Amino acid sequence: MDRHDDMSQLLGQLFMVGIPSPCLDTKDENTRQILQDLRPGGVILFRRNYTDVETLAALCHKLHALDHTNPPLIAIDHEGGRVHRLSAPFTHFPPALQLTHKRSPNSLNLVDSVDLAYRVGQAMGRELQAVGIDLDFAPVLDVFTNPDNTVIGDRAFSTDPQQVAALGCALARGLRDAGVIPCGKHFPGHGATLIDSHQDLPRDERDRARFEQIDLVPFRQACAEQIEMLMTAHVLYPAFDPDLPATLSPRIINNLLRQQLGFTGVVVSDDLEMGAIVRHGSVEQAAVDSLVAGADLLLVCQSPELAVQARNACLQALETGRLSQQRLAQATQRIAVLKKKRRRKQLAAREVIGSAAHQRLVEEIQRAGV
């Protein structure tokens, strides 16, 4: 293998890609060939990849087997509520906001809410682990400060930053204890925006003091608890960087997250195919800019072909010096460390997924009337 191929494979590890179907077999040789060329660090699954438990488990097995020496991480957005990719028999947990202590006589107290969040994370993790999923893009650590914010809404735990910190970190611990890697999102906070970043680029005009008092509280706690991964927001924050959204901003990723908050784990971008990115530039350029800014892993969720093009753009940036060898080494090392935290457990899928215990947990949340 020449140096060009070696660099290409290293760069492939910095991508997590979506695939089009629930199977990876001879009928889908194009996807298989793309994955063998790209050698991505991860694959993210969506509703389009799920038909039933057995087929999903087989898909995860085949994806892991693409590289026996360095298998990709398999990830999913599995929050409960409306962000729920896996239908029955997987347990459908209520949205995060229903777990919150609201200080009313009939609602949970904060200690109970934290315990409940932990048990939800653990139950989610057990079900994901049972089919071979390694990583969950949860918890949401955004503080729900704008009631007109539809993109976050009830995906957030609370309007109170301390509650978000307590419950979000508890859910992360539950996932981790069940053998699934958690990822907090969307740094440095998507809870006050109005525009949906799936459609276009939002702006958050609040001053830095407001972020320190509100939005950074849960992320600071997650960093203190050494959460393994954090996802950036495709949002412009003039208080930190007047020109670049968080995903593309060295001031936010390096200065704020790495230096000020002391985060040492993997920084992952939100999907680079979202409107906040593609309405203002190309996925290829965004991939380069995000890596230069300090991200370690890049999400390209819809088109694996586009991920290959973005990888090639990063290779060119490496050759011209726009992307440094040091930055590549940092990112690949962090992803390698993350992969070592993957824990495989032998769980009987049919006994775990949608179990009576998990259904009782859903009923407990509903009975609490929070």
Protein backbone atom coordinates (compact mmCIF):
# COMPACT_ATOMS: atom_id res chain seq x y z
CA MET A 1 0.00 0.00 0.00
CA ASP A 2 1.47 3.38 -1.01
CA ARG A 3 1.32 6.52 1.10
CA HIS A 4 -1.66 7.90 -0.83
CA ASP A 5 -3.71 4.77 -0.07
CA ASP A 6 -2.56 4.79 3.55
CA MET A 7 -3.69 8.41 4.03
CA SER A 8 -6.96 7.62 2.26
CA GLN A 9 -7.70 4.79 4.70
CA LEU A 10 -6.82 6.94 7.69
CA LEU A 11 -9.17 9.66 6.46
CA GLY A 12 -11.94 7.12 5.95
CA GLN A 13 -11.87 6.50 9.70
CA LEU A 14 -12.98 10.11 10.19
CA PHE A 15 -16.34 9.50 8.50
CA MET A 16 -19.57 7.97 9.73
CA VAL A 17 -21.97 7.30 6.87
CA GLY A 18 -25.55 6.29 6.25
CA ILE A 19 -26.49 3.42 3.95
CA PRO A 20 -29.66 3.07 1.84
CA SER A 21 -31.26 -0.25 2.80
CA PRO A 22 -31.81 -2.79 5.60
CA CYS A 23 -29.55 -5.40 4.00
CA LEU A 24 -25.95 -5.64 2.88
CA ASP A 25 -25.86 -8.52 0.43
CA THR A 26 -25.14 -9.35 -3.20
CA LYS A 27 -28.11 -7.22 -4.30
CA ASP A 28 -26.43 -4.15 -2.83
CA GLU A 29 -22.90 -4.54 -4.14
CA ASN A 30 -22.60 -0.80 -4.84
CA THR A 31 -22.96 0.07 -1.15
CA ARG A 32 -20.61 -2.73 -0.15
CA GLN A 33 -17.97 -1.53 -2.61
CA ILE A 34 -18.29 2.06 -1.42
CA LEU A 35 -17.86 0.95 2.20
CA GLN A 36 -14.84 -1.18 1.29
CA ASP A 37 -13.32 1.81 -0.53
CA LEU A 38 -14.09 4.36 2.17
CA ARG A 39 -13.39 2.10 5.19
CA PRO A 40 -15.46 4.44 7.39
CA GLY A 41 -14.98 4.75 11.10
CA GLY A 42 -18.71 4.25 11.56
CA VAL A 43 -22.11 3.61 10.01
CA ILE A 44 -25.27 5.38 11.19
CA LEU A 45 -28.63 3.61 10.91
CA PHE A 46 -32.07 5.10 10.22
CA ARG A 47 -35.64 3.88 9.83
CA ARG A 48 -34.83 2.87 6.27
CA ASN A 49 -32.41 0.29 7.68
CA TYR A 50 -34.95 -1.46 9.91
CA THR A 51 -37.53 -4.10 9.05
CA ASP A 52 -37.28 -6.55 11.95
CA VAL A 53 -34.96 -7.52 14.78
CA GLU A 54 -33.28 -10.45 13.04
CA THR A 55 -32.55 -8.51 9.84
CA LEU A 56 -31.15 -5.59 11.84
CA ALA A 57 -28.89 -7.88 13.87
CA ALA A 58 -27.67 -9.50 10.63
CA LEU A 59 -26.96 -6.08 9.12
CA CYS A 60 -24.93 -5.02 12.17
CA HIS A 61 -22.97 -8.29 12.02
CA LYS A 62 -22.17 -7.78 8.33
CA LEU A 63 -21.15 -4.18 8.87
CA HIS A 64 -18.80 -5.14 11.70
CA ALA A 65 -17.36 -7.86 9.47
CA LEU A 66 -16.39 -5.38 6.75
CA ASP A 67 -13.12 -4.87 8.62
CA HIS A 68 -12.25 -7.63 11.08
CA THR A 69 -9.18 -5.79 12.41
CA ASN A 70 -10.89 -2.41 12.82
CA PRO A 71 -14.68 -2.80 12.61
CA PRO A 72 -16.77 0.35 12.20
CA LEU A 73 -18.83 1.72 15.03
CA ILE A 74 -22.54 1.26 14.40
CA ALA A 75 -24.61 4.20 15.61
CA ILE A 76 -28.20 5.41 15.74
CA ASP A 77 -30.27 8.37 16.94
CA HIS A 78 -32.32 6.70 19.69
CA GLU A 79 -33.69 9.33 22.09
CA GLY A 80 -37.28 8.24 22.64
CA GLY A 81 -40.21 10.47 21.76
CA ARG A 82 -40.22 11.55 18.13
CA VAL A 83 -36.57 10.59 17.52
CA HIS A 84 -37.26 6.87 17.39
CA ARG A 85 -35.86 4.88 14.45
CA LEU A 86 -36.74 1.37 15.61
CA SER A 87 -40.40 0.38 15.70
CA ALA A 88 -41.92 -2.54 17.63
CA PRO A 89 -40.88 -4.74 19.27
CA PHE A 90 -38.28 -2.14 20.38
CA THR A 91 -39.53 -0.20 23.39
CA HIS A 92 -40.71 3.31 22.52
CA PHE A 93 -39.79 5.49 25.48
CA PRO A 94 -41.46 8.87 26.09
CA PRO A 95 -39.60 12.09 25.15
CA ALA A 96 -36.94 13.41 27.48
CA LEU A 97 -39.13 16.26 28.72
CA GLN A 98 -41.48 13.77 30.39
CA LEU A 99 -38.70 12.65 32.72
CA THR A 100 -38.35 16.08 34.26
CA HIS A 101 -39.08 17.09 37.83
CA LYS A 102 -41.44 20.07 37.59
CA ARG A 103 -41.75 20.82 41.31
CA SER A 104 -45.48 20.06 41.45
CA PRO A 105 -46.94 17.94 44.29
CA ASN A 106 -47.77 15.00 42.02
CA SER A 107 -44.60 14.99 39.92
CA LEU A 108 -41.30 13.24 40.47
CA ASN A 109 -38.68 14.87 42.64
CA LEU A 110 -35.28 15.45 41.08
CA VAL A 111 -33.72 12.37 42.68
CA ASP A 112 -36.47 10.19 41.23
CA SER A 113 -36.10 11.85 37.82
CA VAL A 114 -32.36 11.19 37.77
CA ASP A 115 -32.92 7.56 38.69
CA LEU A 116 -35.57 7.24 36.00
CA ALA A 117 -33.29 8.80 33.37
CA TYR A 118 -30.54 6.36 34.28
CA ARG A 119 -32.88 3.38 33.99
CA VAL A 120 -34.20 4.61 30.63
CA GLY A 121 -30.64 4.95 29.34
CA GLN A 122 -29.79 1.49 30.62
CA ALA A 123 -32.90 -0.06 29.04
CA MET A 124 -32.25 1.69 25.72
CA GLY A 125 -28.65 0.52 25.82
CA ARG A 126 -29.60 -3.10 26.50
CA GLU A 127 -31.95 -3.16 23.51
CA LEU A 128 -29.41 -1.53 21.18
CA GLN A 129 -26.60 -3.74 22.43
CA ALA A 130 -28.69 -6.84 21.76
CA VAL A 131 -28.63 -6.24 17.98
CA GLY A 132 -25.02 -5.02 17.79
CA ILE A 133 -25.41 -1.22 17.89
CA ASP A 134 -22.39 0.39 19.55
CA LEU A 135 -23.23 4.08 19.91
CA ASP A 136 -26.33 6.17 20.59
CA PHE A 137 -26.51 9.84 19.63
CA ALA A 138 -28.08 10.69 22.98
CA PRO A 139 -28.54 12.39 25.40
CA VAL A 140 -29.77 15.76 24.17
CA LEU A 141 -28.00 18.29 26.40
CA ASP A 142 -29.74 21.35 24.95
CA VAL A 143 -31.69 23.52 27.39
CA PHE A 144 -35.23 24.18 26.14
CA THR A 145 -35.25 27.98 26.47
CA ASN A 146 -37.34 28.92 23.42
CA PRO A 147 -40.93 27.57 23.44
CA ASP A 148 -41.12 28.18 19.66
CA ASN A 149 -38.12 25.94 19.03
CA THR A 150 -39.60 22.97 17.19
CA VAL A 151 -36.35 21.21 16.28
CA ILE A 152 -35.53 20.61 19.97
CA GLY A 153 -38.78 21.02 21.91
CA ASP A 154 -39.58 17.98 24.03
CA ARG A 155 -36.32 16.32 23.03
CA ALA A 156 -34.74 18.44 25.79
CA PHE A 157 -35.02 17.35 29.41
CA SER A 158 -35.93 20.73 30.81
CA THR A 159 -35.88 24.51 30.70
CA ASP A 160 -33.62 24.34 33.76
CA PRO A 161 -29.91 23.85 32.94
CA GLN A 162 -29.21 22.05 36.22
CA GLN A 163 -31.97 19.53 35.52
CA VAL A 164 -30.71 19.00 31.97
CA ALA A 165 -27.22 18.40 33.34
CA ALA A 166 -28.40 15.93 35.97
CA LEU A 167 -30.79 13.95 33.79
CA GLY A 168 -28.67 14.03 30.64
CA CYS A 169 -25.61 12.73 32.43
CA ALA A 170 -27.72 10.07 34.18
CA LEU A 171 -29.06 8.80 30.85
CA ALA A 172 -25.49 8.75 29.49
CA ARG A 173 -24.38 6.65 32.46
CA GLY A 174 -27.24 4.23 31.84
CA LEU A 175 -26.28 3.78 28.20
CA ARG A 176 -22.64 3.30 29.13
CA ASP A 177 -23.39 0.74 31.83
CA ALA A 178 -25.42 -1.22 29.28
CA GLY A 179 -22.44 -1.30 26.91
CA VAL A 180 -23.44 1.49 24.50
CA ILE A 181 -21.36 4.64 23.97
CA PRO A 182 -23.33 7.88 24.60
CA CYS A 183 -22.97 11.12 22.63
CA GLY A 184 -24.21 14.43 24.03
CA LYS A 185 -25.60 17.04 21.63
CA HIS A 186 -25.74 19.78 20.24
CA PHE A 187 -22.75 21.82 21.43
CA PRO A 188 -22.77 24.63 22.55
CA GLY A 189 -26.59 24.55 22.68
CA HIS A 190 -29.47 24.43 20.20
CA GLY A 191 -32.31 25.11 22.65
CA ALA A 192 -32.81 28.83 22.04
CA THR A 193 -32.88 28.83 18.23
CA LEU A 194 -35.94 29.29 16.03
CA ILE A 195 -34.81 28.08 12.59
CA ASP A 196 -34.43 24.32 12.16
CA SER A 197 -30.82 23.54 11.22
CA HIS A 198 -32.08 20.70 9.04
CA GLN A 199 -33.48 23.43 6.79
CA ASP A 200 -31.12 26.41 7.10
CA LEU A 201 -28.50 28.02 9.33
CA PRO A 202 -29.89 29.33 12.65
CA ARG A 203 -28.34 32.22 14.59
CA ASP A 204 -28.26 32.53 18.35
CA GLU A 205 -27.66 36.20 19.20
CA ARG A 206 -27.44 35.89 22.99
CA ASP A 207 -24.36 37.14 24.76
CA ARG A 208 -21.64 34.94 26.21
CA ALA A 209 -22.85 35.40 29.79
CA ARG A 210 -26.19 33.76 28.93
CA PHE A 211 -24.40 30.74 27.50
CA GLU A 212 -22.25 30.44 30.60
CA GLN A 213 -25.31 30.62 32.87
CA ILE A 214 -27.56 28.33 30.82
CA ASP A 215 -26.43 26.38 27.77
CA LEU A 216 -22.91 25.42 28.81
CA VAL A 217 -24.01 24.03 32.20
CA PRO A 218 -25.00 20.54 30.92
CA PHE A 219 -22.00 20.32 28.60
CA ARG A 220 -19.65 21.36 31.39
CA GLN A 221 -21.07 18.59 33.58
CA ALA A 222 -20.79 16.05 30.76
CA CYS A 223 -17.16 17.02 30.24
CA ALA A 224 -16.51 16.68 33.98
CA GLU A 225 -17.97 13.15 33.80
CA GLN A 226 -15.74 12.44 30.80
CA ILE A 227 -18.48 11.72 28.29
CA GLU A 228 -16.99 9.92 25.34
CA MET A 229 -18.42 12.02 22.51
CA LEU A 230 -20.10 15.38 21.87
CA MET A 231 -21.85 16.55 18.70
CA THR A 232 -21.57 20.09 17.36
CA ALA A 233 -24.52 22.26 16.35
CA HIS A 234 -24.92 23.73 12.86
CA VAL A 235 -25.70 27.10 14.46
CA LEU A 236 -24.01 30.50 14.23
CA TYR A 237 -23.11 31.98 17.63
CA PRO A 238 -21.78 35.55 17.20
CA ALA A 239 -20.83 35.68 20.88
CA PHE A 240 -18.16 33.08 20.15
CA ASP A 241 -17.59 33.34 16.39
CA PRO A 242 -19.33 35.94 14.18
CA ASP A 243 -18.48 34.15 10.95
CA LEU A 244 -18.62 30.37 11.30
CA PRO A 245 -21.19 27.93 12.73
CA ALA A 246 -20.00 25.76 15.60
CA THR A 247 -19.31 22.74 13.37
CA LEU A 248 -16.80 24.78 11.34
CA SER A 249 -15.43 27.02 14.09
CA PRO A 250 -11.98 26.58 15.71
CA ARG A 251 -13.01 29.19 18.29
CA ILE A 252 -15.90 27.02 19.43
CA ILE A 253 -14.46 23.51 19.04
CA ASN A 254 -10.88 24.18 20.07
CA ASN A 255 -10.99 27.29 22.26
CA LEU A 256 -14.35 26.83 23.99
CA LEU A 257 -14.86 23.06 24.09
CA ARG A 258 -11.31 21.73 24.25
CA GLN A 259 -9.52 24.46 26.19
CA GLN A 260 -12.19 26.10 28.35
CA LEU A 261 -14.36 23.05 29.11
CA GLY A 262 -11.48 20.56 29.00
CA PHE A 263 -13.18 18.03 26.74
CA THR A 264 -10.83 15.21 25.69
CA GLY A 265 -13.20 12.87 23.83
CA VAL A 266 -14.37 12.68 20.23
CA VAL A 267 -16.04 15.68 18.62
CA VAL A 268 -18.52 14.61 15.94
CA SER A 269 -20.24 16.93 13.49
CA ASP A 270 -23.96 16.89 13.00
CA ASP A 271 -24.96 15.63 9.54
CA LEU A 272 -23.06 17.61 6.91
CA GLU A 273 -25.92 17.13 4.45
CA MET A 274 -28.29 19.29 6.51
CA GLY A 275 -29.61 22.56 5.12
CA ALA A 276 -27.54 24.66 7.53
CA ILE A 277 -24.45 23.40 5.67
CA VAL A 278 -25.48 22.69 2.06
CA ARG A 279 -27.44 25.95 1.60
CA HIS A 280 -24.22 27.84 2.27
CA GLY A 281 -21.51 25.63 0.74
CA SER A 282 -20.58 22.10 -0.23
CA VAL A 283 -20.35 18.99 1.91
CA GLU A 284 -16.79 18.48 0.65
CA GLN A 285 -15.64 21.92 1.81
CA ALA A 286 -17.51 21.61 5.10
CA ALA A 287 -15.77 18.29 5.78
CA VAL A 288 -12.36 19.90 5.34
CA ASP A 289 -13.28 22.98 7.35
CA SER A 290 -14.76 20.95 10.20
CA LEU A 291 -11.66 18.79 10.53
CA VAL A 292 -9.42 21.85 10.45
CA ALA A 293 -11.61 23.44 13.13
CA GLY A 294 -11.05 20.46 15.44
CA ALA A 295 -13.80 17.91 14.74
CA ASP A 296 -12.72 14.26 14.75
CA LEU A 297 -15.63 12.43 13.11
CA LEU A 298 -17.86 13.66 10.27
CA LEU A 299 -21.45 12.56 9.71
CA VAL A 300 -22.66 12.12 6.13
CA CYS A 301 -26.00 10.47 6.69
CA GLN A 302 -27.75 10.16 3.32
CA SER A 303 -25.22 9.50 0.59
CA PRO A 304 -22.18 7.22 1.02
CA GLU A 305 -21.03 8.35 -2.45
CA LEU A 306 -20.89 11.92 -1.16
CA ALA A 307 -18.85 10.75 1.80
CA VAL A 308 -16.27 9.32 -0.62
CA GLN A 309 -16.12 12.69 -2.39
CA ALA A 310 -15.68 14.45 0.94
CA ARG A 311 -12.92 12.00 1.90
CA ASN A 312 -11.18 12.78 -1.38
CA ALA A 313 -11.47 16.53 -0.68
CA CYS A 314 -9.87 15.96 2.73
CA LEU A 315 -7.08 13.96 1.07
CA GLN A 316 -6.42 16.87 -1.28
CA ALA A 317 -6.44 19.27 1.68
CA LEU A 318 -3.89 17.04 3.40
CA GLU A 319 -1.65 17.09 0.35
CA THR A 320 -1.83 20.89 0.02
CA GLY A 321 -1.26 21.48 3.72
CA ARG A 322 -4.70 22.96 4.42
CA LEU A 323 -5.29 19.94 6.72
CA SER A 324 -2.27 19.09 8.83
CA GLN A 325 -0.84 15.66 9.57
CA GLN A 326 -1.01 16.55 13.26
CA ARG A 327 -4.77 17.21 13.04
CA LEU A 328 -5.28 13.89 11.22
CA ALA A 329 -3.25 12.05 13.86
CA GLN A 330 -5.25 13.64 16.71
CA ALA A 331 -8.57 12.67 15.18
CA THR A 332 -7.63 9.11 14.27
CA GLN A 333 -6.15 8.53 17.73
CA ARG A 334 -9.31 9.76 19.47
CA ILE A 335 -11.48 7.50 17.31
CA ALA A 336 -9.19 4.55 18.01
CA VAL A 337 -9.54 5.19 21.75
CA LEU A 338 -13.32 5.45 21.37
CA LYS A 339 -13.50 2.12 19.57
CA LYS A 340 -11.64 0.45 22.42
CA LYS A 341 -14.51 1.50 24.71
CA ARG A 342 -16.94 -0.59 22.69
CA ARG A 343 -18.25 -3.42 24.88
CA ARG A 344 -19.96 -6.41 23.33
CA LYS A 345 -22.37 -8.31 25.54
CA GLN A 346 -24.11 -11.55 24.70
CA LEU A 347 -27.76 -10.59 25.08
CA ALA A 348 -30.70 -12.59 23.78
CA ALA A 349 -32.45 -10.03 21.60
CA ARG A 350 -35.90 -11.56 21.92
CA GLU A 351 -35.65 -11.57 25.73
CA VAL A 352 -34.39 -7.98 26.00
CA ILE A 353 -36.09 -6.00 23.24
CA GLY A 354 -39.54 -4.82 24.28
CA SER A 355 -39.27 -6.78 27.52
CA ALA A 356 -41.94 -6.64 30.19
CA ALA A 357 -39.50 -4.78 32.48
CA HIS A 358 -38.97 -2.09 29.85
CA GLN A 359 -42.70 -1.76 29.25
CA ARG A 360 -43.22 -1.33 33.00
CA LEU A 361 -40.62 1.44 32.94
CA VAL A 362 -42.61 3.27 30.24
CA GLU A 363 -45.76 2.88 32.33
CA GLU A 364 -43.93 4.21 35.39
CA ILE A 365 -43.03 7.38 33.48
CA GLN A 366 -46.59 7.79 32.28
CA ARG A 367 -48.06 7.22 35.74
CA ALA A 368 -45.82 9.90 37.22
CA GLY A 369 -47.80 12.41 35.19
CA VAL A 370 -44.81 14.63 34.59
